[in-house]
Amino acid sequence: MVAIPTIDMVKTGQRITELRVQAGLSVRELQEIFGFSTPQALYKWQHGTALPTIDNLVVLAAILGVKVDDILVMTDSAMKASA
């Protein structure tokens, strides 16, 4: 068995929300920073129904003053190694 890391989307969304609040930013402010016409993408990130693209994840980490690894919540799942 091999441990394969997977992203927990819901917990990652909760983490994004926590970090945004700690940084004192509103969803509207993040929307403006990213140049999104609506806040829907941000709400999807926060609810764990979608993840930011890698480039948006890097920008989000910079805005929030954290590393990408501090945003993503990983879990390990076992997977049978193929022979």
C-alpha atoms as a PDB file:
ATOM      1  CA  MET A   1       0.000   0.000   0.000  1.00  0.00           C
ATOM      2  CA  VAL A   2       1.173   3.496  -0.872  1.00  0.00           C
ATOM      3  CA  ALA A   3      -0.065   6.663   0.842  1.00  0.00           C
ATOM      4  CA  ILE A   4      -1.393   9.043  -1.786  1.00  0.00           C
ATOM      5  CA  PRO A   5      -2.018  12.623  -0.664  1.00  0.00           C
ATOM      6  CA  THR A   6      -5.329  14.110  -1.718  1.00  0.00           C
ATOM      7  CA  ILE A   7      -6.718  17.593  -1.208  1.00  0.00           C
ATOM      8  CA  ASP A   8      -9.654  17.819   1.194  1.00  0.00           C
ATOM      9  CA  MET A   9     -11.697  20.422  -0.684  1.00  0.00           C
ATOM     10  CA  VAL A  10     -14.096  21.236   2.148  1.00  0.00           C
ATOM     11  CA  LYS A  11     -11.364  21.680   4.754  1.00  0.00           C
ATOM     12  CA  THR A  12      -9.293  23.674   2.268  1.00  0.00           C
ATOM     13  CA  GLY A  13     -12.303  25.931   1.713  1.00  0.00           C
ATOM     14  CA  GLN A  14     -12.687  26.399   5.454  1.00  0.00           C
ATOM     15  CA  ARG A  15      -8.984  27.218   5.659  1.00  0.00           C
ATOM     16  CA  ILE A  16      -9.301  29.832   2.885  1.00  0.00           C
ATOM     17  CA  THR A  17     -12.161  31.433   4.820  1.00  0.00           C
ATOM     18  CA  GLU A  18     -10.153  31.414   8.085  1.00  0.00           C
ATOM     19  CA  LEU A  19      -7.102  32.957   6.443  1.00  0.00           C
ATOM     20  CA  ARG A  20      -9.188  35.586   4.646  1.00  0.00           C
ATOM     21  CA  VAL A  21     -10.854  36.625   7.906  1.00  0.00           C
ATOM     22  CA  GLN A  22      -7.501  36.667   9.752  1.00  0.00           C
ATOM     23  CA  ALA A  23      -6.114  38.914   7.014  1.00  0.00           C
ATOM     24  CA  GLY A  24      -9.064  41.262   7.505  1.00  0.00           C
ATOM     25  CA  LEU A  25     -10.252  40.913   3.909  1.00  0.00           C
ATOM     26  CA  SER A  26     -13.825  40.673   2.681  1.00  0.00           C
ATOM     27  CA  VAL A  27     -14.913  38.482  -0.207  1.00  0.00           C
ATOM     28  CA  ARG A  28     -15.592  41.692  -2.137  1.00  0.00           C
ATOM     29  CA  GLU A  29     -12.007  42.885  -1.585  1.00  0.00           C
ATOM     30  CA  LEU A  30     -10.607  39.574  -2.836  1.00  0.00           C
ATOM     31  CA  GLN A  31     -12.945  39.734  -5.822  1.00  0.00           C
ATOM     32  CA  GLU A  32     -11.519  43.129  -6.732  1.00  0.00           C
ATOM     33  CA  ILE A  33      -7.916  41.986  -6.220  1.00  0.00           C
ATOM     34  CA  PHE A  34      -8.459  39.017  -8.546  1.00  0.00           C
ATOM     35  CA  GLY A  35     -10.464  41.096 -11.008  1.00  0.00           C
ATOM     36  CA  PHE A  36     -13.429  38.721 -10.951  1.00  0.00           C
ATOM     37  CA  SER A  37     -16.709  40.187 -12.202  1.00  0.00           C
ATOM     38  CA  THR A  38     -18.661  38.220  -9.560  1.00  0.00           C
ATOM     39  CA  PRO A  39     -17.672  36.654  -6.223  1.00  0.00           C
ATOM     40  CA  GLN A  40     -18.941  33.194  -7.238  1.00  0.00           C
ATOM     41  CA  ALA A  41     -15.477  31.648  -7.675  1.00  0.00           C
ATOM     42  CA  LEU A  42     -14.450  32.832  -4.212  1.00  0.00           C
ATOM     43  CA  TYR A  43     -17.594  31.376  -2.636  1.00  0.00           C
ATOM     44  CA  LYS A  44     -16.978  28.072  -4.435  1.00  0.00           C
ATOM     45  CA  TRP A  45     -13.431  28.017  -3.033  1.00  0.00           C
ATOM     46  CA  GLN A  46     -14.702  28.760   0.476  1.00  0.00           C
ATOM     47  CA  HIS A  47     -17.465  26.129   0.312  1.00  0.00           C
ATOM     48  CA  GLY A  48     -15.109  23.477  -1.049  1.00  0.00           C
ATOM     49  CA  THR A  49     -16.987  22.939  -4.302  1.00  0.00           C
ATOM     50  CA  ALA A  50     -14.027  24.156  -6.392  1.00  0.00           C
ATOM     51  CA  LEU A  51     -10.343  24.845  -5.912  1.00  0.00           C
ATOM     52  CA  PRO A  52      -8.398  27.873  -7.115  1.00  0.00           C
ATOM     53  CA  THR A  53      -6.270  27.285 -10.206  1.00  0.00           C
ATOM     54  CA  ILE A  54      -2.576  26.989  -9.413  1.00  0.00           C
ATOM     55  CA  ASP A  55      -1.869  30.560 -10.504  1.00  0.00           C
ATOM     56  CA  ASN A  56      -4.750  31.894  -8.383  1.00  0.00           C
ATOM     57  CA  LEU A  57      -3.567  29.747  -5.475  1.00  0.00           C
ATOM     58  CA  VAL A  58      -0.106  31.338  -5.656  1.00  0.00           C
ATOM     59  CA  VAL A  59      -1.643  34.842  -5.746  1.00  0.00           C
ATOM     60  CA  LEU A  60      -4.006  33.968  -2.875  1.00  0.00           C
ATOM     61  CA  ALA A  61      -1.080  32.772  -0.757  1.00  0.00           C
ATOM     62  CA  ALA A  62       0.796  36.011  -1.439  1.00  0.00           C
ATOM     63  CA  ILE A  63      -2.252  38.152  -0.583  1.00  0.00           C
ATOM     64  CA  LEU A  64      -2.863  36.241   2.636  1.00  0.00           C
ATOM     65  CA  GLY A  65       0.831  36.225   3.576  1.00  0.00           C
ATOM     66  CA  VAL A  66       1.115  32.440   3.770  1.00  0.00           C
ATOM     67  CA  LYS A  67       2.635  29.580   1.776  1.00  0.00           C
ATOM     68  CA  VAL A  68       0.531  27.545  -0.654  1.00  0.00           C
ATOM     69  CA  ASP A  69       0.988  24.583   1.705  1.00  0.00           C
ATOM     70  CA  ASP A  70      -0.677  26.609   4.467  1.00  0.00           C
ATOM     71  CA  ILE A  71      -3.837  26.889   2.361  1.00  0.00           C
ATOM     72  CA  LEU A  72      -4.204  23.329   1.111  1.00  0.00           C
ATOM     73  CA  VAL A  73      -5.465  20.720   3.580  1.00  0.00           C
ATOM     74  CA  MET A  74      -4.181  17.292   2.615  1.00  0.00           C
ATOM     75  CA  THR A  75      -5.297  13.822   3.636  1.00  0.00           C
ATOM     76  CA  ASP A  76      -3.586  10.544   2.856  1.00  0.00           C
ATOM     77  CA  SER A  77      -5.481   7.693   1.287  1.00  0.00           C
ATOM     78  CA  ALA A  78      -4.039   4.253   0.807  1.00  0.00           C
ATOM     79  CA  MET A  79      -3.666   2.932  -2.720  1.00  0.00           C
ATOM     80  CA  LYS A  80      -2.521  -0.486  -3.809  1.00  0.00           C
ATOM     81  CA  ALA A  81       0.759  -0.302  -5.697  1.00  0.00           C
ATOM     82  CA  SER A  82       0.531  -1.912  -9.111  1.00  0.00           C
ATOM     83  CA  ALA A  83       2.978  -4.676  -9.809  1.00  0.00           C
END
